[in-house]
Amino acid sequence: MRSRSRLGYIPGPMKLLVALALLALAPPARAASRPPGPALPFIEDDYPKALALARARHLPLFVDAWAPW
């Protein structure tokens, strides 16, 4: 039979409850001090410039097109 001290034994479901409570009370991670830049730098209404930059950097050209209809 196990020796149970007052503070040394916590039943299984209680361990889960304590872990969840500690996780809920933990402070959130700190955000970066400066906001991040744009994920993709878009070049609007200048296809020749976008094509030249893509060729210079050896990257594919991403074209975003849409229609309001």
N, C-alpha and C. Protein backbone atom coordinates (compact mmCIF):
# COMPACT_ATOMS: atom_id res chain seq x y z
N MET A 1 0.84 -1.18 0.00
CA MET A 1 0.00 0.00 0.00
C MET A 1 0.88 1.24 0.00
N ARG A 2 0.47 2.24 -0.75
CA ARG A 2 1.25 3.47 -0.83
C ARG A 2 1.12 4.29 0.43
N SER A 3 2.20 4.97 0.70
CA SER A 3 2.18 5.92 1.81
C SER A 3 1.71 7.25 1.24
N ARG A 4 0.64 7.79 1.79
CA ARG A 4 0.08 9.04 1.29
C ARG A 4 0.29 10.15 2.31
N SER A 5 1.07 11.14 1.90
CA SER A 5 1.19 12.30 2.76
C SER A 5 0.08 13.27 2.40
N ARG A 6 -0.11 14.27 3.18
CA ARG A 6 -1.21 15.20 2.93
C ARG A 6 -1.04 15.98 1.63
N LEU A 7 0.16 16.41 1.31
CA LEU A 7 0.38 17.24 0.14
C LEU A 7 1.03 16.51 -1.02
N GLY A 8 1.54 15.32 -0.82
CA GLY A 8 2.30 14.63 -1.85
C GLY A 8 1.46 13.83 -2.82
N TYR A 9 0.21 13.59 -2.53
CA TYR A 9 -0.61 12.75 -3.39
C TYR A 9 -1.78 13.56 -3.95
N ILE A 10 -1.88 13.57 -5.27
CA ILE A 10 -3.00 14.22 -5.94
C ILE A 10 -3.57 13.20 -6.90
N PRO A 11 -4.86 12.88 -6.81
CA PRO A 11 -5.47 11.90 -7.71
C PRO A 11 -5.38 12.35 -9.17
N GLY A 12 -5.45 11.42 -10.12
CA GLY A 12 -5.32 11.69 -11.55
C GLY A 12 -6.22 12.79 -12.08
N PRO A 13 -7.55 12.72 -11.87
CA PRO A 13 -8.41 13.78 -12.38
C PRO A 13 -8.10 15.15 -11.76
N MET A 14 -7.66 15.15 -10.54
CA MET A 14 -7.33 16.41 -9.88
C MET A 14 -6.07 17.02 -10.49
N LYS A 15 -5.12 16.18 -10.90
CA LYS A 15 -3.91 16.68 -11.57
C LYS A 15 -4.28 17.42 -12.84
N LEU A 16 -5.22 16.83 -13.59
CA LEU A 16 -5.66 17.46 -14.83
C LEU A 16 -6.35 18.79 -14.52
N LEU A 17 -7.18 18.82 -13.52
CA LEU A 17 -7.87 20.04 -13.14
C LEU A 17 -6.89 21.12 -12.70
N VAL A 18 -5.90 20.76 -11.92
CA VAL A 18 -4.89 21.72 -11.47
C VAL A 18 -4.08 22.23 -12.67
N ALA A 19 -3.70 21.34 -13.58
CA ALA A 19 -2.93 21.75 -14.76
C ALA A 19 -3.73 22.70 -15.63
N LEU A 20 -5.01 22.42 -15.84
CA LEU A 20 -5.85 23.31 -16.64
C LEU A 20 -6.05 24.66 -15.96
N ALA A 21 -6.19 24.65 -14.64
CA ALA A 21 -6.35 25.92 -13.92
C ALA A 21 -5.08 26.76 -14.02
N LEU A 22 -3.92 26.14 -13.89
CA LEU A 22 -2.67 26.89 -14.02
C LEU A 22 -2.48 27.43 -15.44
N LEU A 23 -2.88 26.65 -16.42
CA LEU A 23 -2.78 27.09 -17.80
C LEU A 23 -3.72 28.26 -18.07
N ALA A 24 -4.91 28.21 -17.52
CA ALA A 24 -5.87 29.30 -17.72
C ALA A 24 -5.42 30.58 -17.03
N LEU A 25 -4.71 30.46 -15.93
CA LEU A 25 -4.28 31.64 -15.19
C LEU A 25 -2.92 32.17 -15.64
N ALA A 26 -2.26 31.47 -16.53
CA ALA A 26 -0.94 31.90 -17.00
C ALA A 26 -1.09 33.18 -17.82
N PRO A 27 -0.15 34.11 -17.69
CA PRO A 27 -0.24 35.34 -18.49
C PRO A 27 -0.02 35.03 -19.97
N PRO A 28 -0.67 35.77 -20.85
CA PRO A 28 -0.49 35.52 -22.29
C PRO A 28 0.91 35.90 -22.74
N ALA A 29 1.33 35.33 -23.83
CA ALA A 29 2.65 35.65 -24.38
C ALA A 29 2.68 37.11 -24.80
N ARG A 30 3.81 37.73 -24.64
CA ARG A 30 3.94 39.15 -24.99
C ARG A 30 4.02 39.30 -26.50
N ALA A 31 3.36 40.31 -26.98
CA ALA A 31 3.39 40.60 -28.41
C ALA A 31 4.70 41.29 -28.76
N ALA A 32 5.05 41.27 -30.01
CA ALA A 32 6.26 41.94 -30.46
C ALA A 32 6.14 43.44 -30.20
N SER A 33 7.26 44.09 -29.96
CA SER A 33 7.24 45.51 -29.63
C SER A 33 6.85 46.36 -30.84
N ARG A 34 7.12 45.88 -32.04
CA ARG A 34 6.72 46.64 -33.22
C ARG A 34 5.85 45.75 -34.10
N PRO A 35 4.88 46.32 -34.77
CA PRO A 35 4.01 45.49 -35.61
C PRO A 35 4.79 44.93 -36.80
N PRO A 36 4.43 43.73 -37.23
CA PRO A 36 5.13 43.13 -38.36
C PRO A 36 4.79 43.85 -39.66
N GLY A 37 5.71 43.79 -40.60
CA GLY A 37 5.49 44.41 -41.90
C GLY A 37 4.54 43.56 -42.73
N PRO A 38 4.23 43.99 -43.91
CA PRO A 38 3.31 43.22 -44.76
C PRO A 38 3.93 41.87 -45.13
N ALA A 39 3.09 40.85 -45.18
CA ALA A 39 3.58 39.51 -45.51
C ALA A 39 4.07 39.44 -46.95
N LEU A 40 3.32 40.06 -47.85
CA LEU A 40 3.70 40.10 -49.26
C LEU A 40 3.68 41.56 -49.71
N PRO A 41 4.78 42.07 -50.20
CA PRO A 41 4.76 43.44 -50.70
C PRO A 41 4.11 43.48 -52.09
N PHE A 42 2.91 44.04 -52.18
CA PHE A 42 2.21 44.11 -53.44
C PHE A 42 2.61 45.37 -54.21
N ILE A 43 2.70 45.24 -55.51
CA ILE A 43 2.93 46.38 -56.40
C ILE A 43 1.64 46.55 -57.19
N GLU A 44 0.94 47.63 -56.95
CA GLU A 44 -0.36 47.82 -57.58
C GLU A 44 -0.24 48.64 -58.87
N ASP A 45 -0.91 48.16 -59.91
CA ASP A 45 -1.07 48.86 -61.18
C ASP A 45 0.25 49.20 -61.87
N ASP A 46 1.27 48.35 -61.72
CA ASP A 46 2.54 48.58 -62.40
C ASP A 46 3.15 47.22 -62.78
N TYR A 47 2.55 46.60 -63.81
CA TYR A 47 2.99 45.28 -64.22
C TYR A 47 4.45 45.24 -64.66
N PRO A 48 4.93 46.19 -65.46
CA PRO A 48 6.35 46.13 -65.86
C PRO A 48 7.31 46.19 -64.66
N LYS A 49 7.00 47.01 -63.67
CA LYS A 49 7.86 47.08 -62.48
C LYS A 49 7.83 45.76 -61.71
N ALA A 50 6.64 45.19 -61.54
CA ALA A 50 6.51 43.92 -60.82
C ALA A 50 7.27 42.81 -61.55
N LEU A 51 7.15 42.78 -62.87
CA LEU A 51 7.86 41.77 -63.65
C LEU A 51 9.37 41.94 -63.56
N ALA A 52 9.84 43.17 -63.60
CA ALA A 52 11.28 43.42 -63.49
C ALA A 52 11.81 43.00 -62.12
N LEU A 53 11.07 43.31 -61.06
CA LEU A 53 11.51 42.90 -59.71
C LEU A 53 11.52 41.38 -59.57
N ALA A 54 10.51 40.72 -60.11
CA ALA A 54 10.45 39.26 -60.03
C ALA A 54 11.62 38.63 -60.77
N ARG A 55 11.93 39.16 -61.92
CA ARG A 55 13.06 38.63 -62.69
C ARG A 55 14.39 38.89 -61.98
N ALA A 56 14.54 40.08 -61.41
CA ALA A 56 15.79 40.42 -60.73
C ALA A 56 16.03 39.55 -59.50
N ARG A 57 14.95 39.20 -58.81
CA ARG A 57 15.08 38.39 -57.58
C ARG A 57 14.93 36.90 -57.85
N HIS A 58 14.70 36.52 -59.11
CA HIS A 58 14.50 35.12 -59.49
C HIS A 58 13.34 34.50 -58.72
N LEU A 59 12.22 35.24 -58.67
CA LEU A 59 11.02 34.79 -57.98
C LEU A 59 9.86 34.73 -58.96
N PRO A 60 8.88 33.86 -58.68
CA PRO A 60 7.69 33.84 -59.54
C PRO A 60 6.86 35.10 -59.31
N LEU A 61 6.09 35.45 -60.31
CA LEU A 61 5.24 36.63 -60.23
C LEU A 61 3.85 36.20 -59.79
N PHE A 62 3.35 36.79 -58.74
CA PHE A 62 2.01 36.49 -58.24
C PHE A 62 1.08 37.59 -58.71
N VAL A 63 0.05 37.22 -59.47
CA VAL A 63 -0.90 38.19 -59.98
C VAL A 63 -2.24 37.95 -59.31
N ASP A 64 -2.76 38.96 -58.65
CA ASP A 64 -4.05 38.89 -57.99
C ASP A 64 -5.06 39.64 -58.85
N ALA A 65 -6.05 38.93 -59.34
CA ALA A 65 -7.06 39.55 -60.19
C ALA A 65 -8.45 39.20 -59.67
N TRP A 66 -9.38 40.14 -59.81
CA TRP A 66 -10.74 39.90 -59.37
C TRP A 66 -11.68 40.77 -60.18
N ALA A 67 -12.94 40.46 -60.12
CA ALA A 67 -13.96 41.23 -60.82
C ALA A 67 -15.14 41.44 -59.87
N PRO A 68 -15.76 42.61 -59.90
CA PRO A 68 -16.87 42.89 -58.98
C PRO A 68 -18.20 42.24 -59.37
N TRP A 69 -18.26 41.53 -60.45
CA TRP A 69 -19.50 40.90 -60.87
C TRP A 69 -19.53 39.54 -60.33
